[in-house]
């Protein structure tokens, strides 16, 4: 649904710019962070419907960020999509076990990502992972 708040966390400027473009072009309101710590600070005042979280972040990684988001009564409703370039065997399982709602390997397939976001935002949840 256009207009929903989305938080994108990625330490790579090019990936951040690309994901921001893909998501904002569909009418979503986007904020960005380059670290998990910065994302947590943003979450103090901003509650997105969806977070796109790079798993490999400096300092606290995306999986720990997800665990913290899902452990908090205030933020547990946020849909979290893991997005990673270093897709290794077992990464998807680790991401889902940490509380991620879906998993996408980079380069992200734009249409699959947007379809999964729309599905979760409409309440269908689902299998929008690759």
N, C-alpha and C. Protein backbone atom coordinates (compact mmCIF):
# COMPACT_ATOMS: atom_id res chain seq x y z
N UNK A 1 0.83 -1.18 0.00
CA UNK A 1 0.00 0.00 0.00
C UNK A 1 0.88 1.24 0.00
N UNK A 2 0.68 2.06 -0.98
CA UNK A 2 1.46 3.28 -1.08
C UNK A 2 1.25 4.14 0.16
N UNK A 3 2.28 4.87 0.53
CA UNK A 3 2.21 5.74 1.68
C UNK A 3 2.67 5.11 2.98
N UNK A 4 2.80 3.80 3.03
CA UNK A 4 3.27 3.13 4.25
C UNK A 4 4.71 3.53 4.53
N UNK A 5 5.07 3.56 5.82
CA UNK A 5 6.42 3.90 6.24
C UNK A 5 7.32 2.67 6.13
N UNK A 6 8.49 2.87 5.53
CA UNK A 6 9.47 1.81 5.34
C UNK A 6 10.81 2.31 5.85
N UNK A 7 11.52 1.46 6.60
CA UNK A 7 12.88 1.77 7.07
C UNK A 7 13.84 0.81 6.40
N UNK A 8 14.84 1.36 5.72
CA UNK A 8 15.85 0.55 5.04
C UNK A 8 17.17 0.72 5.76
N UNK A 9 17.79 -0.41 6.14
CA UNK A 9 19.07 -0.37 6.84
C UNK A 9 20.10 -1.11 6.01
N UNK A 10 21.09 -0.39 5.52
CA UNK A 10 22.16 -0.98 4.71
C UNK A 10 23.38 -0.08 4.80
N UNK A 11 24.55 -0.65 5.02
CA UNK A 11 25.76 0.15 5.15
C UNK A 11 26.42 0.46 3.81
N UNK A 12 25.97 -0.16 2.73
CA UNK A 12 26.52 0.10 1.40
C UNK A 12 25.72 1.22 0.74
N UNK A 13 26.35 2.36 0.45
CA UNK A 13 25.61 3.51 -0.10
C UNK A 13 24.88 3.19 -1.41
N UNK A 14 25.48 2.39 -2.27
CA UNK A 14 24.83 2.06 -3.54
C UNK A 14 23.60 1.19 -3.32
N UNK A 15 23.72 0.19 -2.45
CA UNK A 15 22.57 -0.67 -2.14
C UNK A 15 21.45 0.14 -1.49
N UNK A 16 21.83 1.03 -0.58
CA UNK A 16 20.85 1.87 0.10
C UNK A 16 20.11 2.75 -0.90
N UNK A 17 20.86 3.34 -1.82
CA UNK A 17 20.26 4.20 -2.83
C UNK A 17 19.32 3.40 -3.74
N UNK A 18 19.74 2.22 -4.16
CA UNK A 18 18.92 1.39 -5.05
C UNK A 18 17.64 0.94 -4.35
N UNK A 19 17.75 0.42 -3.14
CA UNK A 19 16.56 -0.01 -2.40
C UNK A 19 15.62 1.16 -2.14
N UNK A 20 16.17 2.30 -1.80
CA UNK A 20 15.35 3.49 -1.56
C UNK A 20 14.60 3.87 -2.83
N UNK A 21 15.28 3.83 -3.95
CA UNK A 21 14.64 4.17 -5.23
C UNK A 21 13.51 3.19 -5.55
N UNK A 22 13.78 1.90 -5.42
CA UNK A 22 12.78 0.87 -5.74
C UNK A 22 11.53 1.06 -4.88
N UNK A 23 11.73 1.26 -3.60
CA UNK A 23 10.61 1.34 -2.67
C UNK A 23 9.87 2.68 -2.79
N UNK A 24 10.61 3.78 -2.87
CA UNK A 24 9.95 5.08 -2.94
C UNK A 24 9.24 5.29 -4.27
N UNK A 25 9.72 4.66 -5.35
CA UNK A 25 9.06 4.77 -6.65
C UNK A 25 7.65 4.18 -6.62
N UNK A 26 7.40 3.30 -5.67
CA UNK A 26 6.06 2.72 -5.52
C UNK A 26 5.19 3.52 -4.56
N UNK A 27 5.70 4.65 -4.08
CA UNK A 27 4.89 5.52 -3.25
C UNK A 27 5.04 5.32 -1.75
N UNK A 28 5.97 4.46 -1.34
CA UNK A 28 6.19 4.25 0.09
C UNK A 28 7.02 5.41 0.65
N UNK A 29 6.81 5.75 1.91
CA UNK A 29 7.59 6.77 2.59
C UNK A 29 8.81 6.10 3.21
N UNK A 30 9.99 6.49 2.79
CA UNK A 30 11.22 5.79 3.16
C UNK A 30 12.11 6.62 4.06
N UNK A 31 12.63 5.97 5.10
CA UNK A 31 13.73 6.50 5.91
C UNK A 31 14.85 5.48 5.82
N UNK A 32 16.07 5.92 6.06
CA UNK A 32 17.22 5.04 5.94
C UNK A 32 18.14 5.15 7.14
N UNK A 33 18.90 4.08 7.33
CA UNK A 33 19.94 4.03 8.35
C UNK A 33 21.08 3.21 7.79
N UNK A 34 22.29 3.47 8.28
CA UNK A 34 23.46 2.72 7.80
C UNK A 34 24.00 1.75 8.84
N UNK A 35 23.45 1.79 10.06
CA UNK A 35 23.86 0.85 11.11
C UNK A 35 22.62 0.41 11.89
N UNK A 36 22.74 -0.70 12.58
CA UNK A 36 21.65 -1.19 13.43
C UNK A 36 21.39 -0.21 14.57
N UNK A 37 22.45 0.35 15.11
CA UNK A 37 22.31 1.29 16.21
C UNK A 37 21.53 2.53 15.76
N UNK A 38 21.84 3.02 14.57
CA UNK A 38 21.11 4.16 14.02
C UNK A 38 19.64 3.79 13.80
N UNK A 39 19.38 2.59 13.33
CA UNK A 39 18.01 2.13 13.11
C UNK A 39 17.24 2.10 14.43
N UNK A 40 17.87 1.59 15.49
CA UNK A 40 17.20 1.55 16.80
C UNK A 40 16.86 2.96 17.29
N UNK A 41 17.75 3.91 17.05
CA UNK A 41 17.49 5.29 17.44
C UNK A 41 16.30 5.86 16.64
N UNK A 42 16.24 5.55 15.37
CA UNK A 42 15.13 6.00 14.53
C UNK A 42 13.81 5.41 15.03
N UNK A 43 13.86 4.14 15.45
CA UNK A 43 12.65 3.46 15.92
C UNK A 43 12.08 4.05 17.20
N UNK A 44 12.87 4.85 17.90
CA UNK A 44 12.35 5.52 19.10
C UNK A 44 11.20 6.47 18.75
N UNK A 45 11.24 7.05 17.54
CA UNK A 45 10.23 8.05 17.17
C UNK A 45 9.48 7.70 15.88
N UNK A 46 9.87 6.65 15.20
CA UNK A 46 9.33 6.33 13.88
C UNK A 46 9.03 4.85 13.83
N UNK A 47 7.78 4.50 13.55
CA UNK A 47 7.40 3.09 13.48
C UNK A 47 7.02 2.73 12.05
N UNK A 48 7.94 2.11 11.34
CA UNK A 48 7.63 1.70 9.97
C UNK A 48 6.76 0.46 9.94
N UNK A 49 6.10 0.25 8.83
CA UNK A 49 5.35 -0.99 8.63
C UNK A 49 6.29 -2.13 8.26
N UNK A 50 7.35 -1.77 7.51
CA UNK A 50 8.32 -2.76 7.02
C UNK A 50 9.73 -2.22 7.21
N UNK A 51 10.65 -3.13 7.56
CA UNK A 51 12.08 -2.82 7.59
C UNK A 51 12.78 -3.76 6.61
N UNK A 52 13.63 -3.20 5.78
CA UNK A 52 14.52 -3.98 4.92
C UNK A 52 15.88 -3.91 5.58
N UNK A 53 16.37 -5.05 6.07
CA UNK A 53 17.56 -5.07 6.91
C UNK A 53 18.68 -5.87 6.24
N UNK A 54 19.79 -5.20 5.98
CA UNK A 54 21.00 -5.90 5.53
C UNK A 54 21.49 -6.74 6.71
N UNK A 55 21.82 -7.96 6.46
CA UNK A 55 22.27 -8.85 7.53
C UNK A 55 23.67 -8.51 7.98
N UNK A 56 24.53 -8.13 7.04
CA UNK A 56 25.92 -7.85 7.36
C UNK A 56 26.11 -6.34 7.54
N UNK A 57 26.00 -5.92 8.79
CA UNK A 57 26.17 -4.52 9.15
C UNK A 57 27.37 -4.38 10.08
N UNK A 58 28.02 -3.22 10.07
CA UNK A 58 29.12 -3.01 11.03
C UNK A 58 28.55 -2.91 12.44
N UNK A 59 29.30 -3.38 13.41
CA UNK A 59 28.80 -3.38 14.79
C UNK A 59 27.74 -4.45 14.95
N UNK A 60 26.57 -4.07 15.44
CA UNK A 60 25.47 -5.01 15.60
C UNK A 60 24.99 -5.45 14.21
N UNK A 61 24.87 -6.75 14.00
CA UNK A 61 24.42 -7.22 12.68
C UNK A 61 22.89 -7.16 12.57
N UNK A 62 22.41 -7.39 11.36
CA UNK A 62 20.99 -7.31 11.08
C UNK A 62 20.15 -8.34 11.81
N UNK A 63 20.74 -9.49 12.10
CA UNK A 63 19.99 -10.51 12.83
C UNK A 63 19.74 -10.10 14.28
N UNK A 64 20.74 -9.52 14.91
CA UNK A 64 20.55 -9.02 16.29
C UNK A 64 19.56 -7.86 16.30
N UNK A 65 19.65 -6.99 15.31
CA UNK A 65 18.67 -5.91 15.19
C UNK A 65 17.26 -6.49 15.10
N UNK A 66 17.08 -7.50 14.28
CA UNK A 66 15.78 -8.13 14.12
C UNK A 66 15.30 -8.73 15.43
N UNK A 67 16.19 -9.44 16.12
CA UNK A 67 15.81 -10.02 17.41
C UNK A 67 15.31 -8.95 18.38
N UNK A 68 16.00 -7.82 18.42
CA UNK A 68 15.60 -6.75 19.32
C UNK A 68 14.26 -6.13 18.92
N UNK A 69 14.08 -5.95 17.63
CA UNK A 69 12.81 -5.39 17.14
C UNK A 69 11.67 -6.33 17.47
N UNK A 70 11.85 -7.63 17.24
CA UNK A 70 10.78 -8.60 17.47
C UNK A 70 10.56 -8.88 18.96
N UNK A 71 11.54 -8.59 19.80
CA UNK A 71 11.40 -8.81 21.25
C UNK A 71 10.66 -7.67 21.95
N UNK A 72 10.56 -6.53 21.29
CA UNK A 72 9.92 -5.36 21.90
C UNK A 72 8.43 -5.34 21.59
N UNK A 73 7.63 -5.16 22.62
CA UNK A 73 6.18 -5.06 22.45
C UNK A 73 5.83 -3.93 21.49
N UNK A 74 6.58 -2.85 21.53
CA UNK A 74 6.31 -1.66 20.72
C UNK A 74 6.60 -1.87 19.24
N UNK A 75 7.57 -2.73 18.91
CA UNK A 75 8.00 -2.86 17.52
C UNK A 75 7.80 -4.25 16.91
N UNK A 76 7.33 -5.19 17.68
CA UNK A 76 7.26 -6.58 17.18
C UNK A 76 6.35 -6.75 15.97
N UNK A 77 5.43 -5.82 15.75
CA UNK A 77 4.52 -5.89 14.61
C UNK A 77 5.19 -5.53 13.29
N UNK A 78 6.37 -4.91 13.35
CA UNK A 78 7.05 -4.48 12.12
C UNK A 78 7.46 -5.71 11.31
N UNK A 79 7.14 -5.69 10.04
CA UNK A 79 7.54 -6.75 9.13
C UNK A 79 9.01 -6.53 8.78
N UNK A 80 9.83 -7.56 8.96
CA UNK A 80 11.27 -7.44 8.70
C UNK A 80 11.66 -8.36 7.55
N UNK A 81 12.24 -7.77 6.51
CA UNK A 81 12.78 -8.52 5.39
C UNK A 81 14.30 -8.49 5.50
N UNK A 82 14.91 -9.65 5.57
CA UNK A 82 16.37 -9.75 5.53
C UNK A 82 16.81 -9.59 4.08
N UNK A 83 17.84 -8.78 3.88
CA UNK A 83 18.40 -8.57 2.55
C UNK A 83 19.90 -8.70 2.69
N UNK A 84 20.50 -9.63 1.93
CA UNK A 84 21.94 -9.83 2.09
C UNK A 84 22.63 -10.16 0.78
N UNK A 85 23.86 -9.68 0.67
CA UNK A 85 24.68 -9.98 -0.51
C UNK A 85 25.49 -11.25 -0.28
N UNK A 86 25.79 -11.54 0.95
CA UNK A 86 26.64 -12.68 1.25
C UNK A 86 25.82 -13.93 1.50
N UNK A 87 24.95 -14.26 0.58
CA UNK A 87 24.06 -15.41 0.77
C UNK A 87 24.89 -16.69 0.85
N UNK A 88 24.89 -17.28 2.04
CA UNK A 88 25.63 -18.51 2.28
C UNK A 88 24.62 -19.56 2.74
N UNK A 89 25.03 -20.80 2.65
CA UNK A 89 24.17 -21.89 3.09
C UNK A 89 23.77 -21.66 4.56
N UNK A 90 22.49 -21.75 4.83
CA UNK A 90 22.00 -21.59 6.18
C UNK A 90 21.60 -20.16 6.53
N UNK A 91 21.94 -19.17 5.70
CA UNK A 91 21.62 -17.78 6.01
C UNK A 91 20.12 -17.55 6.09
N UNK A 92 19.38 -18.11 5.15
CA UNK A 92 17.94 -17.92 5.15
C UNK A 92 17.33 -18.48 6.44
N UNK A 93 17.77 -19.67 6.83
CA UNK A 93 17.25 -20.29 8.05
C UNK A 93 17.59 -19.46 9.28
N UNK A 94 18.82 -18.93 9.35
CA UNK A 94 19.22 -18.09 10.47
C UNK A 94 18.38 -16.81 10.52
N UNK A 95 18.13 -16.23 9.36
CA UNK A 95 17.34 -15.00 9.30
C UNK A 95 15.91 -15.25 9.77
N UNK A 96 15.31 -16.32 9.31
CA UNK A 96 13.95 -16.63 9.72
C UNK A 96 13.89 -16.98 11.20
N UNK A 97 14.91 -17.68 11.70
CA UNK A 97 14.96 -18.03 13.12
C UNK A 97 15.12 -16.78 14.00
N UNK A 98 15.77 -15.74 13.47
CA UNK A 98 15.96 -14.49 14.22
C UNK A 98 14.68 -13.66 14.26
N UNK A 99 13.71 -14.03 13.42
CA UNK A 99 12.44 -13.31 13.41
C UNK A 99 12.11 -12.60 12.12
N UNK A 100 12.99 -12.71 11.13
CA UNK A 100 12.70 -12.08 9.84
C UNK A 100 11.48 -12.75 9.22
N UNK A 101 10.68 -11.95 8.56
CA UNK A 101 9.46 -12.46 7.93
C UNK A 101 9.71 -12.97 6.52
N UNK A 102 10.79 -12.52 5.90
CA UNK A 102 11.14 -12.96 4.56
C UNK A 102 12.63 -12.73 4.35
N UNK A 103 13.17 -13.36 3.34
CA UNK A 103 14.61 -13.32 3.07
C UNK A 103 14.83 -13.09 1.58
N UNK A 104 15.71 -12.15 1.25
CA UNK A 104 16.04 -11.85 -0.14
C UNK A 104 17.55 -11.76 -0.29
N UNK A 105 18.07 -12.46 -1.28
CA UNK A 105 19.49 -12.37 -1.61
C UNK A 105 19.68 -11.23 -2.60
N UNK A 106 20.79 -10.51 -2.46
CA UNK A 106 21.15 -9.45 -3.41
C UNK A 106 21.86 -10.09 -4.60
N UNK A 107 21.68 -9.60 -5.78
CA UNK A 107 20.82 -8.46 -6.09
C UNK A 107 19.35 -8.83 -5.94
N UNK A 108 18.61 -7.95 -5.30
CA UNK A 108 17.20 -8.19 -5.02
C UNK A 108 16.40 -8.08 -6.31
N UNK A 109 15.52 -9.04 -6.51
CA UNK A 109 14.61 -9.00 -7.65
C UNK A 109 13.50 -8.03 -7.29
N UNK A 110 13.49 -6.90 -7.95
CA UNK A 110 12.60 -5.78 -7.64
C UNK A 110 11.13 -6.18 -7.54
N UNK A 111 10.63 -6.88 -8.53
CA UNK A 111 9.20 -7.23 -8.54
C UNK A 111 8.85 -8.19 -7.41
N UNK A 112 9.73 -9.12 -7.11
CA UNK A 112 9.47 -10.07 -6.01
C UNK A 112 9.45 -9.33 -4.68
N UNK A 113 10.38 -8.40 -4.48
CA UNK A 113 10.42 -7.63 -3.24
C UNK A 113 9.15 -6.81 -3.08
N UNK A 114 8.77 -6.09 -4.12
CA UNK A 114 7.57 -5.25 -4.04
C UNK A 114 6.31 -6.08 -3.85
N UNK A 115 6.24 -7.23 -4.50
CA UNK A 115 5.08 -8.11 -4.33
C UNK A 115 5.00 -8.63 -2.91
N UNK A 116 6.13 -9.01 -2.34
CA UNK A 116 6.15 -9.50 -0.95
C UNK A 116 5.76 -8.39 0.01
N UNK A 117 6.25 -7.18 -0.22
CA UNK A 117 5.89 -6.06 0.64
C UNK A 117 4.39 -5.82 0.58
N UNK A 118 3.84 -5.79 -0.62
CA UNK A 118 2.40 -5.57 -0.78
C UNK A 118 1.61 -6.67 -0.09
N UNK A 119 2.05 -7.89 -0.22
CA UNK A 119 1.36 -9.03 0.39
C UNK A 119 1.34 -8.91 1.92
N UNK A 120 2.49 -8.61 2.51
CA UNK A 120 2.55 -8.46 3.97
C UNK A 120 1.74 -7.25 4.43
N UNK A 121 1.81 -6.17 3.69
CA UNK A 121 1.08 -4.96 4.10
C UNK A 121 -0.43 -5.14 3.98
N UNK A 122 -0.85 -6.00 3.10
CA UNK A 122 -2.28 -6.27 2.96
C UNK A 122 -2.73 -7.34 3.96
N UNK A 123 -1.78 -7.86 4.75
CA UNK A 123 -2.13 -8.81 5.79
C UNK A 123 -2.10 -10.25 5.36
N UNK A 124 -1.64 -10.51 4.13
CA UNK A 124 -1.63 -11.90 3.65
C UNK A 124 -0.43 -12.66 4.17
N UNK A 125 0.64 -11.94 4.55
CA UNK A 125 1.87 -12.64 4.93
C UNK A 125 2.34 -13.43 3.74
N UNK A 126 3.23 -14.35 3.92
CA UNK A 126 3.43 -15.21 2.79
C UNK A 126 4.82 -15.61 2.44
N UNK A 127 4.88 -16.12 1.26
CA UNK A 127 6.06 -16.81 0.78
C UNK A 127 6.87 -15.94 -0.15
N UNK A 128 6.96 -14.66 0.11
CA UNK A 128 7.69 -13.77 -0.78
C UNK A 128 9.17 -13.80 -0.51
N UNK A 129 9.76 -14.97 -0.52
CA UNK A 129 11.20 -15.08 -0.28
C UNK A 129 11.86 -15.78 -1.43
N UNK A 130 13.14 -15.49 -1.62
CA UNK A 130 13.89 -16.22 -2.64
C UNK A 130 15.16 -16.73 -2.05
